[in-house]
Each structure stands twice: as C-alpha cells, then as structure tokens.
Amino acid sequence: MTDGMFQYMRHPVYCGFILLAFGFAAVTRSETRGLMSLLLFAILDFKSRREEVAMEERFGEDYAEYAGSVHRFFPRIY
C-alpha cells in the first residue's frame, strides 16, 4: 500500500504513537515521560527496521524503491 498516509511516511501508526508520547510528555512537563518517549522511539525504530527487511524480502525491488523515496516516520525529516 503506497497511497494515503503511506505516500508521506512508511509507518504512520508508529509516527502517531511517537508524537502522542512526546506530546503527552511536553504537556505534563515530565522528564521521565520524555525519556520514555525516547525509549519508545528507539524501540519502534528497531521494530520498523526489522519489518522492512521482511517487506523487502517479500516485495523486492518495488519495496526498496518505495523505501528510498518515502521517509520512515516523519515526512522530509526521518
């Protein structure tokens, strides 16, 4: 699937979780929640990399091209 949100980012649900976690940490002004948000980001980044290996094995060059043109979590950033 490469339309909808997937044309801007490869993992929109993970992006939503990350933004929600950092937003909650900011609103509550909690350093602990901020650190936990960083941990969540690291875990989801690791998980997404493993998933993308499987996607490339399944879909081959098509997925490699898609991954090369669409950022992982944040459009035009990462």
PDB file of N, CA and C in Angstrom:
ATOM      1  N   MET A   1       0.849  -1.168   0.000  1.00  0.00           N
ATOM      2  CA  MET A   1       0.000   0.000   0.000  1.00  0.00           C
ATOM      3  C   MET A   1       0.901   1.239   0.000  1.00  0.00           C
ATOM      4  N   THR A   2       0.681   2.099  -0.951  1.00  0.00           N
ATOM      5  CA  THR A   2       1.525   3.289  -1.067  1.00  0.00           C
ATOM      6  C   THR A   2       0.721   4.573  -1.218  1.00  0.00           C
ATOM      7  N   ASP A   3      -0.573   4.519  -0.947  1.00  0.00           N
ATOM      8  CA  ASP A   3      -1.375   5.733  -1.051  1.00  0.00           C
ATOM      9  C   ASP A   3      -1.800   6.185   0.346  1.00  0.00           C
ATOM     10  N   GLY A   4      -2.570   7.244   0.412  1.00  0.00           N
ATOM     11  CA  GLY A   4      -2.975   7.781   1.710  1.00  0.00           C
ATOM     12  C   GLY A   4      -1.763   8.277   2.480  1.00  0.00           C
ATOM     13  N   MET A   5      -1.729   8.021   3.762  1.00  0.00           N
ATOM     14  CA  MET A   5      -0.605   8.450   4.602  1.00  0.00           C
ATOM     15  C   MET A   5       0.700   7.770   4.207  1.00  0.00           C
ATOM     16  N   PHE A   6       0.596   6.588   3.593  1.00  0.00           N
ATOM     17  CA  PHE A   6       1.794   5.842   3.208  1.00  0.00           C
ATOM     18  C   PHE A   6       2.580   6.512   2.076  1.00  0.00           C
ATOM     19  N   GLN A   7       2.001   7.507   1.433  1.00  0.00           N
ATOM     20  CA  GLN A   7       2.766   8.237   0.430  1.00  0.00           C
ATOM     21  C   GLN A   7       3.665   9.288   1.083  1.00  0.00           C
ATOM     22  N   TYR A   8       3.452   9.562   2.368  1.00  0.00           N
ATOM     23  CA  TYR A   8       4.260  10.536   3.098  1.00  0.00           C
ATOM     24  C   TYR A   8       5.222   9.894   4.094  1.00  0.00           C
ATOM     25  N   MET A   9       4.831   8.745   4.655  1.00  0.00           N
ATOM     26  CA  MET A   9       5.659   8.043   5.632  1.00  0.00           C
ATOM     27  C   MET A   9       5.369   6.557   5.570  1.00  0.00           C
ATOM     28  N   ARG A  10       6.382   5.753   5.871  1.00  0.00           N
ATOM     29  CA  ARG A  10       6.218   4.302   5.767  1.00  0.00           C
ATOM     30  C   ARG A  10       5.521   3.708   6.981  1.00  0.00           C
ATOM     31  N   HIS A  11       5.556   4.384   8.116  1.00  0.00           N
ATOM     32  CA  HIS A  11       4.971   3.833   9.349  1.00  0.00           C
ATOM     33  C   HIS A  11       4.122   4.903  10.050  1.00  0.00           C
ATOM     34  N   PRO A  12       2.964   5.242   9.502  1.00  0.00           N
ATOM     35  CA  PRO A  12       2.162   6.323  10.086  1.00  0.00           C
ATOM     36  C   PRO A  12       1.642   6.016  11.487  1.00  0.00           C
ATOM     37  N   VAL A  13       1.340   4.772  11.787  1.00  0.00           N
ATOM     38  CA  VAL A  13       0.846   4.434  13.125  1.00  0.00           C
ATOM     39  C   VAL A  13       1.953   4.634  14.155  1.00  0.00           C
ATOM     40  N   TYR A  14       3.159   4.178  13.837  1.00  0.00           N
ATOM     41  CA  TYR A  14       4.290   4.379  14.743  1.00  0.00           C
ATOM     42  C   TYR A  14       4.550   5.865  14.935  1.00  0.00           C
ATOM     43  N   CYS A  15       4.448   6.632  13.873  1.00  0.00           N
ATOM     44  CA  CYS A  15       4.636   8.078  13.957  1.00  0.00           C
ATOM     45  C   CYS A  15       3.614   8.682  14.923  1.00  0.00           C
ATOM     46  N   GLY A  16       2.377   8.248  14.827  1.00  0.00           N
ATOM     47  CA  GLY A  16       1.330   8.733  15.724  1.00  0.00           C
ATOM     48  C   GLY A  16       1.630   8.411  17.176  1.00  0.00           C
ATOM     49  N   PHE A  17       2.089   7.193  17.442  1.00  0.00           N
ATOM     50  CA  PHE A  17       2.442   6.810  18.811  1.00  0.00           C
ATOM     51  C   PHE A  17       3.573   7.686  19.347  1.00  0.00           C
ATOM     52  N   ILE A  18       4.574   7.912  18.519  1.00  0.00           N
ATOM     53  CA  ILE A  18       5.730   8.716  18.935  1.00  0.00           C
ATOM     54  C   ILE A  18       5.306  10.155  19.228  1.00  0.00           C
ATOM     55  N   LEU A  19       4.536  10.745  18.334  1.00  0.00           N
ATOM     56  CA  LEU A  19       4.070  12.116  18.550  1.00  0.00           C
ATOM     57  C   LEU A  19       3.187  12.222  19.776  1.00  0.00           C
ATOM     58  N   LEU A  20       2.322  11.248  19.987  1.00  0.00           N
ATOM     59  CA  LEU A  20       1.457  11.231  21.169  1.00  0.00           C
ATOM     60  C   LEU A  20       2.286  11.163  22.443  1.00  0.00           C
ATOM     61  N   ALA A  21       3.286  10.295  22.456  1.00  0.00           N
ATOM     62  CA  ALA A  21       4.128  10.143  23.642  1.00  0.00           C
ATOM     63  C   ALA A  21       4.895  11.431  23.950  1.00  0.00           C
ATOM     64  N   PHE A  22       5.527  12.018  22.933  1.00  0.00           N
ATOM     65  CA  PHE A  22       6.269  13.261  23.164  1.00  0.00           C
ATOM     66  C   PHE A  22       5.329  14.413  23.517  1.00  0.00           C
ATOM     67  N   GLY A  23       4.161  14.451  22.900  1.00  0.00           N
ATOM     68  CA  GLY A  23       3.184  15.492  23.226  1.00  0.00           C
ATOM     69  C   GLY A  23       2.706  15.393  24.656  1.00  0.00           C
ATOM     70  N   PHE A  24       2.431  14.175  25.100  1.00  0.00           N
ATOM     71  CA  PHE A  24       1.989  13.963  26.478  1.00  0.00           C
ATOM     72  C   PHE A  24       3.097  14.354  27.453  1.00  0.00           C
ATOM     73  N   ALA A  25       4.335  14.005  27.114  1.00  0.00           N
ATOM     74  CA  ALA A  25       5.472  14.371  27.961  1.00  0.00           C
ATOM     75  C   ALA A  25       5.607  15.894  28.044  1.00  0.00           C
ATOM     76  N   ALA A  26       5.402  16.574  26.929  1.00  0.00           N
ATOM     77  CA  ALA A  26       5.521  18.029  26.913  1.00  0.00           C
ATOM     78  C   ALA A  26       4.401  18.697  27.701  1.00  0.00           C
ATOM     79  N   VAL A  27       3.180  18.223  27.502  1.00  0.00           N
ATOM     80  CA  VAL A  27       2.033  18.826  28.192  1.00  0.00           C
ATOM     81  C   VAL A  27       2.139  18.640  29.697  1.00  0.00           C
ATOM     82  N   THR A  28       2.607  17.497  30.126  1.00  0.00           N
ATOM     83  CA  THR A  28       2.730  17.220  31.564  1.00  0.00           C
ATOM     84  C   THR A  28       4.067  17.691  32.131  1.00  0.00           C
ATOM     85  N   ARG A  29       4.950  18.174  31.243  1.00  0.00           N
ATOM     86  CA  ARG A  29       6.288  18.647  31.644  1.00  0.00           C
ATOM     87  C   ARG A  29       7.027  17.600  32.470  1.00  0.00           C
ATOM     88  N   SER A  30       6.984  16.374  31.988  1.00  0.00           N
ATOM     89  CA  SER A  30       7.601  15.257  32.696  1.00  0.00           C
ATOM     90  C   SER A  30       8.873  14.808  31.979  1.00  0.00           C
ATOM     91  N   GLU A  31       9.984  14.939  32.658  1.00  0.00           N
ATOM     92  CA  GLU A  31      11.243  14.461  32.093  1.00  0.00           C
ATOM     93  C   GLU A  31      11.241  12.946  31.962  1.00  0.00           C
ATOM     94  N   THR A  32      10.619  12.273  32.916  1.00  0.00           N
ATOM     95  CA  THR A  32      10.539  10.807  32.868  1.00  0.00           C
ATOM     96  C   THR A  32       9.767  10.363  31.640  1.00  0.00           C
ATOM     97  N   ARG A  33       8.645  11.006  31.379  1.00  0.00           N
ATOM     98  CA  ARG A  33       7.859  10.667  30.192  1.00  0.00           C
ATOM     99  C   ARG A  33       8.626  11.018  28.916  1.00  0.00           C
ATOM    100  N   GLY A  34       9.402  12.083  28.957  1.00  0.00           N
ATOM    101  CA  GLY A  34      10.237  12.434  27.812  1.00  0.00           C
ATOM    102  C   GLY A  34      11.261  11.347  27.524  1.00  0.00           C
ATOM    103  N   LEU A  35      11.894  10.845  28.573  1.00  0.00           N
ATOM    104  CA  LEU A  35      12.862   9.753  28.402  1.00  0.00           C
ATOM    105  C   LEU A  35      12.178   8.479  27.920  1.00  0.00           C
ATOM    106  N   MET A  36      10.991   8.218  28.444  1.00  0.00           N
ATOM    107  CA  MET A  36      10.247   7.034  27.989  1.00  0.00           C
ATOM    108  C   MET A  36       9.832   7.196  26.530  1.00  0.00           C
ATOM    109  N   SER A  37       9.557   8.421  26.105  1.00  0.00           N
ATOM    110  CA  SER A  37       9.225   8.682  24.706  1.00  0.00           C
ATOM    111  C   SER A  37      10.423   8.400  23.812  1.00  0.00           C
ATOM    112  N   LEU A  38      11.615   8.772  24.275  1.00  0.00           N
ATOM    113  CA  LEU A  38      12.829   8.448  23.522  1.00  0.00           C
ATOM    114  C   LEU A  38      13.021   6.941  23.423  1.00  0.00           C
ATOM    115  N   LEU A  39      12.748   6.244  24.513  1.00  0.00           N
ATOM    116  CA  LEU A  39      12.847   4.787  24.505  1.00  0.00           C
ATOM    117  C   LEU A  39      11.832   4.193  23.527  1.00  0.00           C
ATOM    118  N   LEU A  40      10.606   4.710  23.535  1.00  0.00           N
ATOM    119  CA  LEU A  40       9.588   4.242  22.591  1.00  0.00           C
ATOM    120  C   LEU A  40      10.051   4.473  21.155  1.00  0.00           C
ATOM    121  N   PHE A  41      10.616   5.647  20.885  1.00  0.00           N
ATOM    122  CA  PHE A  41      11.128   5.940  19.552  1.00  0.00           C
ATOM    123  C   PHE A  41      12.184   4.915  19.152  1.00  0.00           C
ATOM    124  N   ALA A  42      13.108   4.612  20.053  1.00  0.00           N
ATOM    125  CA  ALA A  42      14.175   3.656  19.750  1.00  0.00           C
ATOM    126  C   ALA A  42      13.610   2.267  19.479  1.00  0.00           C
ATOM    127  N   ILE A  43      12.647   1.852  20.274  1.00  0.00           N
ATOM    128  CA  ILE A  43      12.037   0.528  20.096  1.00  0.00           C
ATOM    129  C   ILE A  43      11.308   0.452  18.763  1.00  0.00           C
ATOM    130  N   LEU A  44      10.509   1.463  18.454  1.00  0.00           N
ATOM    131  CA  LEU A  44       9.755   1.444  17.200  1.00  0.00           C
ATOM    132  C   LEU A  44      10.673   1.569  15.993  1.00  0.00           C
ATOM    133  N   ASP A  45      11.764   2.300  16.135  1.00  0.00           N
ATOM    134  CA  ASP A  45      12.734   2.391  15.047  1.00  0.00           C
ATOM    135  C   ASP A  45      13.348   1.012  14.784  1.00  0.00           C
ATOM    136  N   PHE A  46      13.742   0.327  15.843  1.00  0.00           N
ATOM    137  CA  PHE A  46      14.305  -1.020  15.714  1.00  0.00           C
ATOM    138  C   PHE A  46      13.287  -1.976  15.090  1.00  0.00           C
ATOM    139  N   LYS A  47      12.053  -1.920  15.596  1.00  0.00           N
ATOM    140  CA  LYS A  47      10.987  -2.802  15.096  1.00  0.00           C
ATOM    141  C   LYS A  47      10.692  -2.527  13.622  1.00  0.00           C
ATOM    142  N   SER A  48      10.654  -1.257  13.244  1.00  0.00           N
ATOM    143  CA  SER A  48      10.347  -0.918  11.851  1.00  0.00           C
ATOM    144  C   SER A  48      11.457  -1.384  10.914  1.00  0.00           C
ATOM    145  N   ARG A  49      12.697  -1.321  11.368  1.00  0.00           N
ATOM    146  CA  ARG A  49      13.811  -1.791  10.535  1.00  0.00           C
ATOM    147  C   ARG A  49      13.699  -3.291  10.280  1.00  0.00           C
ATOM    148  N   ARG A  50      13.331  -4.043  11.303  1.00  0.00           N
ATOM    149  CA  ARG A  50      13.153  -5.495  11.133  1.00  0.00           C
ATOM    150  C   ARG A  50      11.991  -5.793  10.199  1.00  0.00           C
ATOM    151  N   GLU A  51      10.898  -5.047  10.335  1.00  0.00           N
ATOM    152  CA  GLU A  51       9.747  -5.246   9.461  1.00  0.00           C
ATOM    153  C   GLU A  51      10.105  -4.925   8.011  1.00  0.00           C
ATOM    154  N   GLU A  52      10.922  -3.901   7.812  1.00  0.00           N
ATOM    155  CA  GLU A  52      11.273  -3.500   6.461  1.00  0.00           C
ATOM    156  C   GLU A  52      12.174  -4.527   5.779  1.00  0.00           C
ATOM    157  N   VAL A  53      12.976  -5.232   6.548  1.00  0.00           N
ATOM    158  CA  VAL A  53      13.764  -6.323   5.968  1.00  0.00           C
ATOM    159  C   VAL A  53      12.818  -7.384   5.408  1.00  0.00           C
ATOM    160  N   ALA A  54      11.790  -7.721   6.175  1.00  0.00           N
ATOM    161  CA  ALA A  54      10.805  -8.705   5.718  1.00  0.00           C
ATOM    162  C   ALA A  54      10.028  -8.193   4.506  1.00  0.00           C
ATOM    163  N   MET A  55       9.699  -6.909   4.510  1.00  0.00           N
ATOM    164  CA  MET A  55       8.969  -6.337   3.373  1.00  0.00           C
ATOM    165  C   MET A  55       9.816  -6.371   2.108  1.00  0.00           C
ATOM    166  N   GLU A  56      11.097  -6.081   2.247  1.00  0.00           N
ATOM    167  CA  GLU A  56      11.967  -6.101   1.073  1.00  0.00           C
ATOM    168  C   GLU A  56      12.163  -7.522   0.558  1.00  0.00           C
ATOM    169  N   GLU A  57      12.211  -8.485   1.468  1.00  0.00           N
ATOM    170  CA  GLU A  57      12.307  -9.884   1.035  1.00  0.00           C
ATOM    171  C   GLU A  57      11.055 -10.301   0.273  1.00  0.00           C
ATOM    172  N   ARG A  58       9.909  -9.825   0.723  1.00  0.00           N
ATOM    173  CA  ARG A  58       8.647 -10.217   0.097  1.00  0.00           C
ATOM    174  C   ARG A  58       8.381  -9.470  -1.206  1.00  0.00           C
ATOM    175  N   PHE A  59       8.634  -8.160  -1.228  1.00  0.00           N
ATOM    176  CA  PHE A  59       8.264  -7.347  -2.383  1.00  0.00           C
ATOM    177  C   PHE A  59       9.450  -6.920  -3.240  1.00  0.00           C
ATOM    178  N   GLY A  60      10.652  -7.220  -2.799  1.00  0.00           N
ATOM    179  CA  GLY A  60      11.853  -6.989  -3.598  1.00  0.00           C
ATOM    180  C   GLY A  60      12.144  -5.541  -3.916  1.00  0.00           C
ATOM    181  N   GLU A  61      12.504  -5.325  -5.169  1.00  0.00           N
ATOM    182  CA  GLU A  61      12.938  -4.002  -5.628  1.00  0.00           C
ATOM    183  C   GLU A  61      11.835  -2.957  -5.514  1.00  0.00           C
ATOM    184  N   ASP A  62      10.576  -3.366  -5.651  1.00  0.00           N
ATOM    185  CA  ASP A  62       9.471  -2.412  -5.510  1.00  0.00           C
ATOM    186  C   ASP A  62       9.484  -1.764  -4.130  1.00  0.00           C
ATOM    187  N   TYR A  63       9.680  -2.580  -3.099  1.00  0.00           N
ATOM    188  CA  TYR A  63       9.716  -2.015  -1.744  1.00  0.00           C
ATOM    189  C   TYR A  63      10.977  -1.185  -1.533  1.00  0.00           C
ATOM    190  N   ALA A  64      12.087  -1.626  -2.078  1.00  0.00           N
ATOM    191  CA  ALA A  64      13.339  -0.873  -1.941  1.00  0.00           C
ATOM    192  C   ALA A  64      13.192   0.518  -2.552  1.00  0.00           C
ATOM    193  N   GLU A  65      12.550   0.622  -3.697  1.00  0.00           N
ATOM    194  CA  GLU A  65      12.312   1.918  -4.332  1.00  0.00           C
ATOM    195  C   GLU A  65      11.390   2.781  -3.477  1.00  0.00           C
ATOM    196  N   TYR A  66      10.337   2.168  -2.955  1.00  0.00           N
ATOM    197  CA  TYR A  66       9.402   2.891  -2.089  1.00  0.00           C
ATOM    198  C   TYR A  66      10.127   3.412  -0.846  1.00  0.00           C
ATOM    199  N   ALA A  67      10.912   2.549  -0.212  1.00  0.00           N
ATOM    200  CA  ALA A  67      11.641   2.944   0.994  1.00  0.00           C
ATOM    201  C   ALA A  67      12.665   4.033   0.688  1.00  0.00           C
ATOM    202  N   GLY A  68      13.188   4.034  -0.502  1.00  0.00           N
ATOM    203  CA  GLY A  68      14.153   5.058  -0.885  1.00  0.00           C
ATOM    204  C   GLY A  68      13.534   6.415  -1.154  1.00  0.00           C
ATOM    205  N   SER A  69      12.231   6.435  -1.384  1.00  0.00           N
ATOM    206  CA  SER A  69      11.583   7.700  -1.725  1.00  0.00           C
ATOM    207  C   SER A  69      10.652   8.243  -0.642  1.00  0.00           C
ATOM    208  N   VAL A  70      10.348   7.433   0.380  1.00  0.00           N
ATOM    209  CA  VAL A  70       9.426   7.850   1.445  1.00  0.00           C
ATOM    210  C   VAL A  70      10.124   7.671   2.789  1.00  0.00           C
ATOM    211  N   HIS A  71      10.069   8.697   3.637  1.00  0.00           N
ATOM    212  CA  HIS A  71      10.730   8.625   4.937  1.00  0.00           C
ATOM    213  C   HIS A  71      10.019   7.646   5.879  1.00  0.00           C
ATOM    214  N   ARG A  72      10.757   7.182   6.870  1.00  0.00           N
ATOM    215  CA  ARG A  72      10.250   6.164   7.788  1.00  0.00           C
ATOM    216  C   ARG A  72       9.111   6.684   8.662  1.00  0.00           C
ATOM    217  N   PHE A  73       9.347   7.734   9.450  1.00  0.00           N
ATOM    218  CA  PHE A  73       8.326   8.213  10.400  1.00  0.00           C
ATOM    219  C   PHE A  73       7.822   9.617  10.105  1.00  0.00           C
ATOM    220  N   PHE A  74       8.729  10.538   9.860  1.00  0.00           N
ATOM    221  CA  PHE A  74       8.357  11.939   9.748  1.00  0.00           C
ATOM    222  C   PHE A  74       8.681  12.457   8.350  1.00  0.00           C
ATOM    223  N   PRO A  75       7.681  12.913   7.602  1.00  0.00           N
ATOM    224  CA  PRO A  75       7.923  13.391   6.243  1.00  0.00           C
ATOM    225  C   PRO A  75       9.021  14.442   6.184  1.00  0.00           C
ATOM    226  N   ARG A  76       9.946  14.260   5.251  1.00  0.00           N
ATOM    227  CA  ARG A  76      11.070  15.152   4.988  1.00  0.00           C
ATOM    228  C   ARG A  76      12.065  15.280   6.144  1.00  0.00           C
ATOM    229  N   ILE A  77      11.910  14.458   7.183  1.00  0.00           N
ATOM    230  CA  ILE A  77      12.826  14.535   8.323  1.00  0.00           C
ATOM    231  C   ILE A  77      13.513  13.195   8.551  1.00  0.00           C
ATOM    232  N   TYR A  78      12.715  12.138   8.860  1.00  0.00           N
ATOM    233  CA  TYR A  78      13.282  10.825   9.177  1.00  0.00           C
ATOM    234  C   TYR A  78      12.319   9.745   8.758  1.00  0.00           C
TER     235      TYR A  78
END
